[in-house]
C-alpha atoms as a PDB file:
ATOM      1  CA  MET A   1       6.268  86.711  37.518  1.00  0.00           C
ATOM      2  CA  GLU A   2       4.734  88.751  34.923  1.00  0.00           C
ATOM      3  CA  GLU A   3       7.581  91.210  34.937  1.00  0.00           C
ATOM      4  CA  ILE A   4      10.049  88.364  34.360  1.00  0.00           C
ATOM      5  CA  VAL A   5       8.143  86.945  31.415  1.00  0.00           C
ATOM      6  CA  LEU A   6       7.765  90.286  29.847  1.00  0.00           C
ATOM      7  CA  ALA A   7      11.415  91.242  30.311  1.00  0.00           C
ATOM      8  CA  LEU A   8      12.545  87.803  28.900  1.00  0.00           C
ATOM      9  CA  SER A   9      10.278  88.149  25.863  1.00  0.00           C
ATOM     10  CA  GLN A  10      11.617  91.619  25.121  1.00  0.00           C
ATOM     11  CA  LYS A  11      15.135  90.491  25.440  1.00  0.00           C
ATOM     12  CA  TYR A  12      14.719  87.086  23.773  1.00  0.00           C
ATOM     13  CA  PRO A  13      11.766  87.354  21.268  1.00  0.00           C
ATOM     14  CA  GLY A  14      12.970  84.168  19.513  1.00  0.00           C
ATOM     15  CA  LEU A  15      12.333  82.231  22.694  1.00  0.00           C
ATOM     16  CA  MET A  16       8.895  83.600  23.081  1.00  0.00           C
ATOM     17  CA  THR A  17       8.062  82.670  19.472  1.00  0.00           C
ATOM     18  CA  PHE A  18       9.329  78.960  20.192  1.00  0.00           C
ATOM     19  CA  PHE A  19       7.205  78.782  23.262  1.00  0.00           C
ATOM     20  CA  VAL A  20       4.015  80.120  21.345  1.00  0.00           C
ATOM     21  CA  VAL A  21       4.667  77.798  18.558  1.00  0.00           C
ATOM     22  CA  LEU A  22       5.147  74.859  21.137  1.00  0.00           C
ATOM     23  CA  GLY A  23       1.759  75.745  22.707  1.00  0.00           C
ATOM     24  CA  ILE A  24       0.005  75.818  19.304  1.00  0.00           C
ATOM     25  CA  LEU A  25       1.437  72.502  18.349  1.00  0.00           C
ATOM     26  CA  ARG A  26       0.227  70.922  21.687  1.00  0.00           C
ATOM     27  CA  THR A  27      -3.175  72.546  21.161  1.00  0.00           C
ATOM     28  CA  VAL A  28      -3.759  71.588  17.656  1.00  0.00           C
ATOM     29  CA  PHE A  29      -2.093  68.373  16.594  1.00  0.00           C
ATOM     30  CA  LYS A  30      -3.219  66.002  19.429  1.00  0.00           C
ATOM     31  CA  PRO A  31      -6.971  66.840  19.455  1.00  0.00           C
ATOM     32  CA  LEU A  32      -7.014  66.925  15.624  1.00  0.00           C
ATOM     33  CA  MET A  33      -5.502  63.350  15.176  1.00  0.00           C
ATOM     34  CA  SER A  34      -7.738  62.079  18.010  1.00  0.00           C
ATOM     35  CA  ILE A  35     -10.940  63.444  16.240  1.00  0.00           C
ATOM     36  CA  LEU A  36      -9.775  62.196  12.931  1.00  0.00           C
ATOM     37  CA  GLN A  37      -9.163  58.730  14.221  1.00  0.00           C
ATOM     38  CA  ALA A  38     -12.576  58.748  15.999  1.00  0.00           C
ATOM     39  CA  VAL A  39     -14.447  59.805  12.975  1.00  0.00           C
ATOM     40  CA  VAL A  40     -12.812  57.274  10.656  1.00  0.00           C
ATOM     41  CA  LYS A  41     -13.355  54.541  13.122  1.00  0.00           C
ATOM     42  CA  GLU A  42     -17.138  55.338  13.416  1.00  0.00           C
ATOM     43  CA  THR A  43     -17.766  55.674   9.647  1.00  0.00           C
ATOM     44  CA  PRO A  44     -19.272  52.547   8.207  1.00  0.00           C
ATOM     45  CA  THR A  45     -16.981  52.352   5.142  1.00  0.00           C
ATOM     46  CA  LEU A  46     -13.444  50.810   5.173  1.00  0.00           C
ATOM     47  CA  ALA A  47     -12.227  52.855   2.533  1.00  0.00           C
ATOM     48  CA  ASP A  48     -11.411  55.720   4.877  1.00  0.00           C
ATOM     49  CA  ASP A  49      -9.953  53.294   7.664  1.00  0.00           C
ATOM     50  CA  HIS A  50      -7.410  52.103   4.771  1.00  0.00           C
ATOM     51  CA  ALA A  51      -6.545  55.595   3.719  1.00  0.00           C
ATOM     52  CA  LEU A  52      -5.905  56.707   7.247  1.00  0.00           C
ATOM     53  CA  ALA A  53      -3.755  53.545   7.869  1.00  0.00           C
ATOM     54  CA  LYS A  54      -1.859  54.332   4.594  1.00  0.00           C
ATOM     55  CA  PHE A  55      -1.289  57.941   5.528  1.00  0.00           C
ATOM     56  CA  MET A  56      -0.283  57.147   9.020  1.00  0.00           C
ATOM     57  CA  SER A  57       2.286  54.492   7.731  1.00  0.00           C
ATOM     58  CA  SER A  58       3.746  56.892   5.222  1.00  0.00           C
ATOM     59  CA  ARG A  59       7.293  58.391   5.507  1.00  0.00           C
ATOM     60  CA  ALA A  60       5.748  61.973   5.640  1.00  0.00           C
ATOM     61  CA  TYR A  61       3.625  61.145   8.608  1.00  0.00           C
ATOM     62  CA  LEU A  62       6.289  59.159  10.543  1.00  0.00           C
ATOM     63  CA  GLY A  63       8.746  62.137   9.895  1.00  0.00           C
ATOM     64  CA  LEU A  64       6.073  64.608  11.161  1.00  0.00           C
ATOM     65  CA  VAL A  65       5.393  62.535  14.298  1.00  0.00           C
ATOM     66  CA  TRP A  66       9.123  62.477  14.937  1.00  0.00           C
ATOM     67  CA  PHE A  67       9.590  66.181  14.356  1.00  0.00           C
ATOM     68  CA  VAL A  68       6.519  67.126  16.450  1.00  0.00           C
ATOM     69  CA  ASP A  69       7.676  64.772  19.339  1.00  0.00           C
ATOM     70  CA  TYR A  70      11.322  65.932  19.258  1.00  0.00           C
ATOM     71  CA  VAL A  71      10.492  69.689  19.118  1.00  0.00           C
ATOM     72  CA  SER A  72       7.347  70.052  21.316  1.00  0.00           C
ATOM     73  CA  SER A  73       6.884  66.557  23.116  1.00  0.00           C
ATOM     74  CA  VAL A  74       3.382  66.106  21.655  1.00  0.00           C
ATOM     75  CA  LYS A  75       2.827  62.335  21.301  1.00  0.00           C
ATOM     76  CA  LEU A  76       0.773  61.779  18.128  1.00  0.00           C
ATOM     77  CA  PRO A  77      -0.575  58.354  17.439  1.00  0.00           C
ATOM     78  CA  ARG A  78       1.648  56.104  15.760  1.00  0.00           C
ATOM     79  CA  PRO A  79       0.476  53.277  13.292  1.00  0.00           C
ATOM     80  CA  ALA A  80      -0.347  50.055  14.805  1.00  0.00           C
ATOM     81  CA  PRO A  81       2.105  47.434  14.217  1.00  0.00           C
ATOM     82  CA  LYS A  82       1.054  45.063  11.363  1.00  0.00           C
ATOM     83  CA  GLU A  83       0.161  41.549  12.424  1.00  0.00           C
ATOM     84  CA  ASP A  84       2.038  38.646  10.710  1.00  0.00           C
ATOM     85  CA  ALA A  85      -0.256  36.580   8.767  1.00  0.00           C
ATOM     86  CA  LYS A  86      -0.320  32.991  10.353  1.00  0.00           C
ATOM     87  CA  PRO A  87      -0.878  29.939   8.201  1.00  0.00           C
END
């Protein structure tokens, strides 16, 4: 198996780069967002909760979520749906 991987990586270096980047994305993004959400949830102030909610509902974050999911199948947390105010 090792010989096959080495031969493919020598013949198609771009493919090996893609798989390395895929592994890095899987290793970094999912735990990073989980830790960030846990830290924000445990802090006593609500300012960081609002800042994280604002960031997670921004176009930049939603674009990043779509891109990371499309490219590497890493499911980043999506913002919670807003509840409608009931009279």
